Amino acid sequence: IQSIPGFWVKVFVNHPRMSAMISTQDKEMLSYM
C-alpha cells in the first residue's frame, strides 16, 4: 500500500459513510497519509 500514492485518501473518500464526514480540507490533509 505504501508504494501506491494517495491510496488511503482515496479509500477514505470512497467510503459511503465516511465521505459524508470528510470536507475539502480533510481530503487535503489525508493526501499526506
Full PDB file with SEQRES, HELIX, SHEET, SSBOND, CRYST1, ORIGX, SCALE, CONECT and MASTER records, all heavy atoms in Angstrom:
SEQRES   1 A   33  ILE GLN SER ILE PRO GLY PHE TRP VAL LYS VAL PHE VAL          
SEQRES   2 A   33  ASN HIS PRO ARG MET SER ALA MET ILE SER THR GLN ASP          
SEQRES   3 A   33  LYS GLU MET LEU SER TYR MET                                  
HELIX    1 AA1 PHE A    7  ASN A   14  1                                   8    
HELIX    2 AA2 SER A   19  MET A   21  5                                   3    
HELIX    3 AA3 THR A   24  LEU A   30  1                                   7    
CRYST1    1.000    1.000    1.000  90.00  90.00  90.00 P 1           1          
ORIGX1      1.000000  0.000000  0.000000        0.00000                         
ORIGX2      0.000000  1.000000  0.000000        0.00000                         
ORIGX3      0.000000  0.000000  1.000000        0.00000                         
SCALE1      1.000000  0.000000  0.000000        0.00000                         
SCALE2      0.000000  1.000000  0.000000        0.00000                         
SCALE3      0.000000  0.000000  1.000000        0.00000                         
ATOM      1  N   ILE A   1       0.827  -1.209   0.000  1.00  0.00           N  
ATOM      2  CA  ILE A   1       0.000   0.000   0.000  1.00  0.00           C  
ATOM      3  C   ILE A   1       0.861   1.259   0.000  1.00  0.00           C  
ATOM      4  O   ILE A   1       0.543   2.251  -0.679  1.00  0.00           O  
ATOM      5  CB  ILE A   1      -0.954  -0.011   1.207  1.00  0.00           C  
ATOM      6  CG1 ILE A   1      -2.079  -1.032   0.981  1.00  0.00           C  
ATOM      7  CG2 ILE A   1      -1.546   1.379   1.451  1.00  0.00           C  
ATOM      8  CD1 ILE A   1      -3.015  -1.180   2.157  1.00  0.00           C  
ATOM      9  N   GLN A   2       1.953   1.240   0.743  1.00  0.00           N  
ATOM     10  CA  GLN A   2       2.804   2.431   0.818  1.00  0.00           C  
ATOM     11  C   GLN A   2       3.489   2.759  -0.507  1.00  0.00           C  
ATOM     12  O   GLN A   2       3.999   3.864  -0.690  1.00  0.00           O  
ATOM     13  CB  GLN A   2       3.859   2.234   1.918  1.00  0.00           C  
ATOM     14  CG  GLN A   2       3.263   2.235   3.316  1.00  0.00           C  
ATOM     15  CD  GLN A   2       4.311   2.134   4.405  1.00  0.00           C  
ATOM     16  OE1 GLN A   2       5.033   3.086   4.706  1.00  0.00           O  
ATOM     17  NE2 GLN A   2       4.414   0.968   5.016  1.00  0.00           N  
ATOM     18  N   SER A   3       3.461   1.811  -1.421  1.00  0.00           N  
ATOM     19  CA  SER A   3       4.028   2.076  -2.749  1.00  0.00           C  
ATOM     20  C   SER A   3       2.990   2.639  -3.711  1.00  0.00           C  
ATOM     21  O   SER A   3       3.310   2.958  -4.854  1.00  0.00           O  
ATOM     22  CB  SER A   3       4.620   0.782  -3.332  1.00  0.00           C  
ATOM     23  OG  SER A   3       3.595  -0.158  -3.620  1.00  0.00           O  
ATOM     24  N   ILE A   4       1.738   2.773  -3.252  1.00  0.00           N  
ATOM     25  CA  ILE A   4       0.659   3.292  -4.097  1.00  0.00           C  
ATOM     26  C   ILE A   4       0.324   4.714  -3.641  1.00  0.00           C  
ATOM     27  O   ILE A   4      -0.266   4.907  -2.575  1.00  0.00           O  
ATOM     28  CB  ILE A   4      -0.603   2.411  -4.007  1.00  0.00           C  
ATOM     29  CG1 ILE A   4      -0.263   0.969  -4.369  1.00  0.00           C  
ATOM     30  CG2 ILE A   4      -1.710   2.954  -4.914  1.00  0.00           C  
ATOM     31  CD1 ILE A   4      -1.425   0.001  -4.191  1.00  0.00           C  
ATOM     32  N   PRO A   5       0.686   5.744  -4.399  1.00  0.00           N  
ATOM     33  CA  PRO A   5       0.423   7.129  -3.992  1.00  0.00           C  
ATOM     34  C   PRO A   5      -1.071   7.399  -3.809  1.00  0.00           C  
ATOM     35  O   PRO A   5      -1.895   6.976  -4.619  1.00  0.00           O  
ATOM     36  CB  PRO A   5       0.991   7.951  -5.156  1.00  0.00           C  
ATOM     37  CG  PRO A   5       1.958   7.039  -5.842  1.00  0.00           C  
ATOM     38  CD  PRO A   5       1.394   5.657  -5.692  1.00  0.00           C  
ATOM     39  N   GLY A   6      -1.407   8.095  -2.713  1.00  0.00           N  
ATOM     40  CA  GLY A   6      -2.790   8.503  -2.485  1.00  0.00           C  
ATOM     41  C   GLY A   6      -3.750   7.370  -2.196  1.00  0.00           C  
ATOM     42  O   GLY A   6      -4.973   7.545  -2.326  1.00  0.00           O  
ATOM     43  N   PHE A   7      -3.240   6.231  -1.768  1.00  0.00           N  
ATOM     44  CA  PHE A   7      -4.117   5.069  -1.550  1.00  0.00           C  
ATOM     45  C   PHE A   7      -5.148   5.354  -0.465  1.00  0.00           C  
ATOM     46  O   PHE A   7      -6.350   5.193  -0.675  1.00  0.00           O  
ATOM     47  CB  PHE A   7      -3.277   3.844  -1.168  1.00  0.00           C  
ATOM     48  CG  PHE A   7      -4.111   2.609  -0.921  1.00  0.00           C  
ATOM     49  CD1 PHE A   7      -4.426   1.750  -1.960  1.00  0.00           C  
ATOM     50  CD2 PHE A   7      -4.567   2.302   0.363  1.00  0.00           C  
ATOM     51  CE1 PHE A   7      -5.193   0.615  -1.729  1.00  0.00           C  
ATOM     52  CE2 PHE A   7      -5.341   1.174   0.598  1.00  0.00           C  
ATOM     53  CZ  PHE A   7      -5.648   0.321  -0.456  1.00  0.00           C  
ATOM     54  N   TRP A   8      -4.674   5.798   0.699  1.00  0.00           N  
ATOM     55  CA  TRP A   8      -5.598   5.907   1.832  1.00  0.00           C  
ATOM     56  C   TRP A   8      -6.576   7.060   1.689  1.00  0.00           C  
ATOM     57  O   TRP A   8      -7.733   6.950   2.120  1.00  0.00           O  
ATOM     58  CB  TRP A   8      -4.813   6.027   3.137  1.00  0.00           C  
ATOM     59  CG  TRP A   8      -4.252   4.710   3.582  1.00  0.00           C  
ATOM     60  CD1 TRP A   8      -2.944   4.337   3.625  1.00  0.00           C  
ATOM     61  CD2 TRP A   8      -5.009   3.579   4.021  1.00  0.00           C  
ATOM     62  NE1 TRP A   8      -2.828   3.039   4.064  1.00  0.00           N  
ATOM     63  CE2 TRP A   8      -4.078   2.545   4.317  1.00  0.00           C  
ATOM     64  CE3 TRP A   8      -6.367   3.324   4.190  1.00  0.00           C  
ATOM     65  CZ2 TRP A   8      -4.468   1.292   4.776  1.00  0.00           C  
ATOM     66  CZ3 TRP A   8      -6.766   2.068   4.642  1.00  0.00           C  
ATOM     67  CH2 TRP A   8      -5.827   1.072   4.939  1.00  0.00           C  
ATOM     68  N   VAL A   9      -6.163   8.172   1.095  1.00  0.00           N  
ATOM     69  CA  VAL A   9      -7.125   9.261   0.918  1.00  0.00           C  
ATOM     70  C   VAL A   9      -8.266   8.810   0.005  1.00  0.00           C  
ATOM     71  O   VAL A   9      -9.433   9.156   0.221  1.00  0.00           O  
ATOM     72  CB  VAL A   9      -6.439  10.530   0.367  1.00  0.00           C  
ATOM     73  CG1 VAL A   9      -5.853  10.306  -1.013  1.00  0.00           C  
ATOM     74  CG2 VAL A   9      -7.434  11.696   0.343  1.00  0.00           C  
ATOM     75  N   LYS A  10      -7.952   8.009  -0.990  1.00  0.00           N  
ATOM     76  CA  LYS A  10      -8.994   7.509  -1.884  1.00  0.00           C  
ATOM     77  C   LYS A  10      -9.914   6.531  -1.159  1.00  0.00           C  
ATOM     78  O   LYS A  10     -11.132   6.537  -1.355  1.00  0.00           O  
ATOM     79  CB  LYS A  10      -8.360   6.830  -3.099  1.00  0.00           C  
ATOM     80  CG  LYS A  10      -9.368   6.429  -4.166  1.00  0.00           C  
ATOM     81  CD  LYS A  10      -8.669   5.927  -5.421  1.00  0.00           C  
ATOM     82  CE  LYS A  10      -9.699   5.561  -6.495  1.00  0.00           C  
ATOM     83  NZ  LYS A  10      -9.028   5.059  -7.726  1.00  0.00           N  
ATOM     84  N   VAL A  11      -9.332   5.701  -0.290  1.00  0.00           N  
ATOM     85  CA  VAL A  11     -10.138   4.754   0.486  1.00  0.00           C  
ATOM     86  C   VAL A  11     -11.114   5.498   1.391  1.00  0.00           C  
ATOM     87  O   VAL A  11     -12.308   5.172   1.449  1.00  0.00           O  
ATOM     88  CB  VAL A  11      -9.224   3.839   1.329  1.00  0.00           C  
ATOM     89  CG1 VAL A  11     -10.042   3.023   2.331  1.00  0.00           C  
ATOM     90  CG2 VAL A  11      -8.424   2.905   0.427  1.00  0.00           C  
ATOM     91  N   PHE A  12     -10.617   6.527   2.090  1.00  0.00           N  
ATOM     92  CA  PHE A  12     -11.476   7.292   2.999  1.00  0.00           C  
ATOM     93  C   PHE A  12     -12.583   8.009   2.235  1.00  0.00           C  
ATOM     94  O   PHE A  12     -13.749   7.985   2.647  1.00  0.00           O  
ATOM     95  CB  PHE A  12     -10.631   8.308   3.775  1.00  0.00           C  
ATOM     96  CG  PHE A  12      -9.992   7.748   5.013  1.00  0.00           C  
ATOM     97  CD1 PHE A  12      -8.957   6.827   4.920  1.00  0.00           C  
ATOM     98  CD2 PHE A  12     -10.408   8.139   6.270  1.00  0.00           C  
ATOM     99  CE1 PHE A  12      -8.352   6.308   6.051  1.00  0.00           C  
ATOM    100  CE2 PHE A  12      -9.809   7.633   7.416  1.00  0.00           C  
ATOM    101  CZ  PHE A  12      -8.778   6.707   7.303  1.00  0.00           C  
ATOM    102  N   VAL A  13     -12.226   8.651   1.144  1.00  0.00           N  
ATOM    103  CA  VAL A  13     -13.196   9.443   0.389  1.00  0.00           C  
ATOM    104  C   VAL A  13     -14.241   8.550  -0.289  1.00  0.00           C  
ATOM    105  O   VAL A  13     -15.405   8.932  -0.426  1.00  0.00           O  
ATOM    106  CB  VAL A  13     -12.474  10.313  -0.665  1.00  0.00           C  
ATOM    107  CG1 VAL A  13     -13.458  10.951  -1.617  1.00  0.00           C  
ATOM    108  CG2 VAL A  13     -11.645  11.383   0.032  1.00  0.00           C  
ATOM    109  N   ASN A  14     -13.854   7.351  -0.686  1.00  0.00           N  
ATOM    110  CA  ASN A  14     -14.781   6.466  -1.392  1.00  0.00           C  
ATOM    111  C   ASN A  14     -15.720   5.702  -0.467  1.00  0.00           C  
ATOM    112  O   ASN A  14     -16.685   5.092  -0.936  1.00  0.00           O  
ATOM    113  CB  ASN A  14     -14.003   5.448  -2.240  1.00  0.00           C  
ATOM    114  CG  ASN A  14     -13.472   6.054  -3.519  1.00  0.00           C  
ATOM    115  OD1 ASN A  14     -13.753   7.213  -3.835  1.00  0.00           O  
ATOM    116  ND2 ASN A  14     -12.689   5.292  -4.253  1.00  0.00           N  
ATOM    117  N   HIS A  15     -15.457   5.730   0.825  1.00  0.00           N  
ATOM    118  CA  HIS A  15     -16.352   5.026   1.746  1.00  0.00           C  
ATOM    119  C   HIS A  15     -17.664   5.799   1.864  1.00  0.00           C  
ATOM    120  O   HIS A  15     -17.661   7.001   2.154  1.00  0.00           O  
ATOM    121  CB  HIS A  15     -15.705   4.890   3.127  1.00  0.00           C  
ATOM    122  CG  HIS A  15     -16.455   3.993   4.053  1.00  0.00           C  
ATOM    123  ND1 HIS A  15     -17.582   4.405   4.736  1.00  0.00           N  
ATOM    124  CD2 HIS A  15     -16.271   2.685   4.374  1.00  0.00           C  
ATOM    125  CE1 HIS A  15     -18.042   3.407   5.461  1.00  0.00           C  
ATOM    126  NE2 HIS A  15     -17.262   2.351   5.266  1.00  0.00           N  
ATOM    127  N   PRO A  16     -18.801   5.153   1.643  1.00  0.00           N  
ATOM    128  CA  PRO A  16     -20.079   5.883   1.589  1.00  0.00           C  
ATOM    129  C   PRO A  16     -20.442   6.639   2.857  1.00  0.00           C  
ATOM    130  O   PRO A  16     -20.994   7.734   2.790  1.00  0.00           O  
ATOM    131  CB  PRO A  16     -21.102   4.779   1.285  1.00  0.00           C  
ATOM    132  CG  PRO A  16     -20.430   3.502   1.683  1.00  0.00           C  
ATOM    133  CD  PRO A  16     -18.976   3.711   1.418  1.00  0.00           C  
ATOM    134  N   ARG A  17     -20.143   6.087   4.024  1.00  0.00           N  
ATOM    135  CA  ARG A  17     -20.473   6.787   5.267  1.00  0.00           C  
ATOM    136  C   ARG A  17     -19.387   7.783   5.662  1.00  0.00           C  
ATOM    137  O   ARG A  17     -19.680   8.868   6.161  1.00  0.00           O  
ATOM    138  CB  ARG A  17     -20.699   5.778   6.398  1.00  0.00           C  
ATOM    139  CG  ARG A  17     -22.018   5.014   6.280  1.00  0.00           C  
ATOM    140  CD  ARG A  17     -22.255   4.204   7.530  1.00  0.00           C  
ATOM    141  NE  ARG A  17     -21.258   3.149   7.694  1.00  0.00           N  
ATOM    142  CZ  ARG A  17     -20.956   2.580   8.861  1.00  0.00           C  
ATOM    143  NH1 ARG A  17     -21.543   2.994   9.971  1.00  0.00           N  
ATOM    144  NH2 ARG A  17     -20.053   1.612   8.918  1.00  0.00           N  
ATOM    145  N   MET A  18     -18.147   7.423   5.437  1.00  0.00           N  
ATOM    146  CA  MET A  18     -17.049   8.315   5.794  1.00  0.00           C  
ATOM    147  C   MET A  18     -17.027   9.564   4.918  1.00  0.00           C  
ATOM    148  O   MET A  18     -16.723  10.659   5.380  1.00  0.00           O  
ATOM    149  CB  MET A  18     -15.716   7.574   5.663  1.00  0.00           C  
ATOM    150  CG  MET A  18     -14.505   8.381   6.099  1.00  0.00           C  
ATOM    151  SD  MET A  18     -14.441   8.665   7.877  1.00  0.00           S  
ATOM    152  CE  MET A  18     -13.717   7.100   8.396  1.00  0.00           C  
ATOM    153  N   SER A  19     -17.359   9.409   3.645  1.00  0.00           N  
ATOM    154  CA  SER A  19     -17.295  10.538   2.715  1.00  0.00           C  
ATOM    155  C   SER A  19     -18.207  11.683   3.144  1.00  0.00           C  
ATOM    156  O   SER A  19     -17.897  12.845   2.894  1.00  0.00           O  
ATOM    157  CB  SER A  19     -17.670  10.076   1.304  1.00  0.00           C  
ATOM    158  OG  SER A  19     -19.014   9.618   1.263  1.00  0.00           O  
ATOM    159  N   ALA A  20     -19.314  11.347   3.805  1.00  0.00           N  
ATOM    160  CA  ALA A  20     -20.241  12.390   4.253  1.00  0.00           C  
ATOM    161  C   ALA A  20     -19.655  13.236   5.373  1.00  0.00           C  
ATOM    162  O   ALA A  20     -20.144  14.330   5.664  1.00  0.00           O  
ATOM    163  CB  ALA A  20     -21.545  11.745   4.728  1.00  0.00           C  
ATOM    164  N   MET A  21     -18.580  12.764   5.994  1.00  0.00           N  
ATOM    165  CA  MET A  21     -17.962  13.490   7.108  1.00  0.00           C  
ATOM    166  C   MET A  21     -16.602  14.064   6.741  1.00  0.00           C  
ATOM    167  O   MET A  21     -15.876  14.557   7.607  1.00  0.00           O  
ATOM    168  CB  MET A  21     -17.828  12.543   8.317  1.00  0.00           C  
ATOM    169  CG  MET A  21     -19.175  12.079   8.861  1.00  0.00           C  
ATOM    170  SD  MET A  21     -19.030  10.961  10.285  1.00  0.00           S  
ATOM    171  CE  MET A  21     -18.714   9.392   9.454  1.00  0.00           C  
ATOM    172  N   ILE A  22     -16.237  13.994   5.454  1.00  0.00           N  
ATOM    173  CA  ILE A  22     -14.934  14.493   5.010  1.00  0.00           C  
ATOM    174  C   ILE A  22     -15.120  15.746   4.160  1.00  0.00           C  
ATOM    175  O   ILE A  22     -15.854  15.735   3.172  1.00  0.00           O  
ATOM    176  CB  ILE A  22     -14.187  13.416   4.201  1.00  0.00           C  
ATOM    177  CG1 ILE A  22     -13.805  12.260   5.126  1.00  0.00           C  
ATOM    178  CG2 ILE A  22     -12.935  13.997   3.545  1.00  0.00           C  
ATOM    179  CD1 ILE A  22     -13.060  11.148   4.428  1.00  0.00           C  
ATOM    180  N   SER A  23     -14.455  16.815   4.558  1.00  0.00           N  
ATOM    181  CA  SER A  23     -14.544  18.077   3.827  1.00  0.00           C  
ATOM    182  C   SER A  23     -13.334  18.236   2.919  1.00  0.00           C  
ATOM    183  O   SER A  23     -12.445  17.379   2.862  1.00  0.00           O  
ATOM    184  CB  SER A  23     -14.612  19.240   4.810  1.00  0.00           C  
ATOM    185  OG  SER A  23     -13.397  19.316   5.543  1.00  0.00           O  
ATOM    186  N   THR A  24     -13.286  19.341   2.222  1.00  0.00           N  
ATOM    187  CA  THR A  24     -12.164  19.601   1.317  1.00  0.00           C  
ATOM    188  C   THR A  24     -10.840  19.645   2.064  1.00  0.00           C  
ATOM    189  O   THR A  24      -9.845  19.070   1.625  1.00  0.00           O  
ATOM    190  CB  THR A  24     -12.382  20.938   0.576  1.00  0.00           C  
ATOM    191  OG1 THR A  24     -13.605  20.868  -0.161  1.00  0.00           O  
ATOM    192  CG2 THR A  24     -11.234  21.220  -0.370  1.00  0.00           C  
ATOM    193  N   GLN A  25     -10.801  20.329   3.227  1.00  0.00           N  
ATOM    194  CA  GLN A  25      -9.529  20.417   3.950  1.00  0.00           C  
ATOM    195  C   GLN A  25      -9.142  19.069   4.539  1.00  0.00           C  
ATOM    196  O   GLN A  25      -7.954  18.758   4.663  1.00  0.00           O  
ATOM    197  CB  GLN A  25      -9.573  21.514   5.022  1.00  0.00           C  
ATOM    198  CG  GLN A  25      -9.982  21.079   6.408  1.00  0.00           C  
ATOM    199  CD  GLN A  25     -11.499  21.087   6.558  1.00  0.00           C  
ATOM    200  OE1 GLN A  25     -12.210  21.542   5.671  1.00  0.00           O  
ATOM    201  NE2 GLN A  25     -11.974  20.612   7.684  1.00  0.00           N  
ATOM    202  N   ASP A  26     -10.135  18.249   4.885  1.00  0.00           N  
ATOM    203  CA  ASP A  26      -9.825  16.904   5.368  1.00  0.00           C  
ATOM    204  C   ASP A  26      -9.129  16.096   4.275  1.00  0.00           C  
ATOM    205  O   ASP A  26      -8.155  15.383   4.528  1.00  0.00           O  
ATOM    206  CB  ASP A  26     -11.101  16.173   5.784  1.00  0.00           C  
ATOM    207  CG  ASP A  26     -11.784  16.820   6.972  1.00  0.00           C  
ATOM    208  OD1 ASP A  26     -11.083  17.457   7.780  1.00  0.00           O  
ATOM    209  OD2 ASP A  26     -13.009  16.683   7.090  1.00  0.00           O  
ATOM    210  N   LYS A  27      -9.654  16.209   3.070  1.00  0.00           N  
ATOM    211  CA  LYS A  27      -9.080  15.478   1.940  1.00  0.00           C  
ATOM    212  C   LYS A  27      -7.646  15.932   1.684  1.00  0.00           C  
ATOM    213  O   LYS A  27      -6.768  15.116   1.365  1.00  0.00           O  
ATOM    214  CB  LYS A  27      -9.938  15.680   0.695  1.00  0.00           C  
ATOM    215  CG  LYS A  27      -9.496  14.863  -0.505  1.00  0.00           C  
ATOM    216  CD  LYS A  27     -10.447  15.051  -1.666  1.00  0.00           C  
ATOM    217  CE  LYS A  27      -9.983  14.261  -2.889  1.00  0.00           C  
ATOM    218  NZ  LYS A  27     -10.913  14.452  -4.043  1.00  0.00           N  
ATOM    219  N   GLU A  28      -7.386  17.216   1.839  1.00  0.00           N  
ATOM    220  CA  GLU A  28      -6.027  17.727   1.622  1.00  0.00           C  
ATOM    221  C   GLU A  28      -5.066  17.173   2.659  1.00  0.00           C  
ATOM    222  O   GLU A  28      -3.934  16.784   2.337  1.00  0.00           O  
ATOM    223  CB  GLU A  28      -6.043  19.257   1.655  1.00  0.00           C  
ATOM    224  CG  GLU A  28      -6.771  19.876   0.468  1.00  0.00           C  
ATOM    225  CD  GLU A  28      -6.804  21.391   0.547  1.00  0.00           C  
ATOM    226  OE1 GLU A  28      -6.201  21.940   1.495  1.00  0.00           O  
ATOM    227  OE2 GLU A  28      -7.422  22.009  -0.319  1.00  0.00           O  
ATOM    228  N   MET A  29      -5.503  17.111   3.909  1.00  0.00           N  
ATOM    229  CA  MET A  29      -4.639  16.549   4.943  1.00  0.00           C  
ATOM    230  C   MET A  29      -4.411  15.057   4.710  1.00  0.00           C  
ATOM    231  O   MET A  29      -3.300  14.554   4.853  1.00  0.00           O  
ATOM    232  CB  MET A  29      -5.258  16.779   6.329  1.00  0.00           C  
ATOM    233  CG  MET A  29      -5.144  18.201   6.824  1.00  0.00           C  
ATOM    234  SD  MET A  29      -5.551  18.354   8.598  1.00  0.00           S  
ATOM    235  CE  MET A  29      -7.225  17.724   8.625  1.00  0.00           C  
ATOM    236  N   LEU A  30      -5.476  14.356   4.342  1.00  0.00           N  
ATOM    237  CA  LEU A  30      -5.359  12.915   4.111  1.00  0.00           C  
ATOM    238  C   LEU A  30      -4.481  12.584   2.912  1.00  0.00           C  
ATOM    239  O   LEU A  30      -3.999  11.456   2.788  1.00  0.00           O  
ATOM    240  CB  LEU A  30      -6.758  12.310   3.913  1.00  0.00           C  
ATOM    241  CG  LEU A  30      -7.601  12.161   5.182  1.00  0.00           C  
ATOM    242  CD1 LEU A  30      -9.028  11.776   4.830  1.00  0.00           C  
ATOM    243  CD2 LEU A  30      -6.979  11.121   6.109  1.00  0.00           C  
ATOM    244  N   SER A  31      -4.280  13.556   2.023  1.00  0.00           N  
ATOM    245  CA  SER A  31      -3.425  13.299   0.864  1.00  0.00           C  
ATOM    246  C   SER A  31      -1.976  13.054   1.285  1.00  0.00           C  
ATOM    247  O   SER A  31      -1.183  12.515   0.512  1.00  0.00           O  
ATOM    248  CB  SER A  31      -3.497  14.473  -0.125  1.00  0.00           C  
ATOM    249  OG  SER A  31      -2.893  15.637   0.424  1.00  0.00           O  
ATOM    250  N   TYR A  32      -1.630  13.441   2.521  1.00  0.00           N  
ATOM    251  CA  TYR A  32      -0.281  13.213   3.037  1.00  0.00           C  
ATOM    252  C   TYR A  32      -0.190  11.915   3.837  1.00  0.00           C  
ATOM    253  O   TYR A  32       0.877  11.570   4.342  1.00  0.00           O  
ATOM    254  CB  TYR A  32       0.151  14.381   3.921  1.00  0.00           C  
ATOM    255  CG  TYR A  32       0.390  15.654   3.155  1.00  0.00           C  
ATOM    256  CD1 TYR A  32      -0.632  16.588   2.978  1.00  0.00           C  
ATOM    257  CD2 TYR A  32       1.636  15.929   2.597  1.00  0.00           C  
ATOM    258  CE1 TYR A  32      -0.421  17.766   2.267  1.00  0.00           C  
ATOM    259  CE2 TYR A  32       1.859  17.106   1.891  1.00  0.00           C  
ATOM    260  CZ  TYR A  32       0.830  18.012   1.728  1.00  0.00           C  
ATOM    261  OH  TYR A  32       1.047  19.174   1.024  1.00  0.00           O  
ATOM    262  N   MET A  33      -1.275  11.205   3.957  1.00  0.00           N  
ATOM    263  CA  MET A  33      -1.287   9.969   4.737  1.00  0.00           C  
ATOM    264  C   MET A  33      -0.606   8.849   3.967  1.00  0.00           C  
ATOM    265  O   MET A  33      -0.912   8.599   2.801  1.00  0.00           O  
ATOM    266  CB  MET A  33      -2.733   9.589   5.068  1.00  0.00           C  
ATOM    267  CG  MET A  33      -2.873   8.390   5.964  1.00  0.00           C  
ATOM    268  SD  MET A  33      -4.607   8.156   6.429  1.00  0.00           S  
ATOM    269  CE  MET A  33      -4.516   6.549   7.217  1.00  0.00           C  
TER     270      MET A  33                                                      
MASTER        0    0    0    3    0    0    0    6  269    1    0    3          
END                                                                             
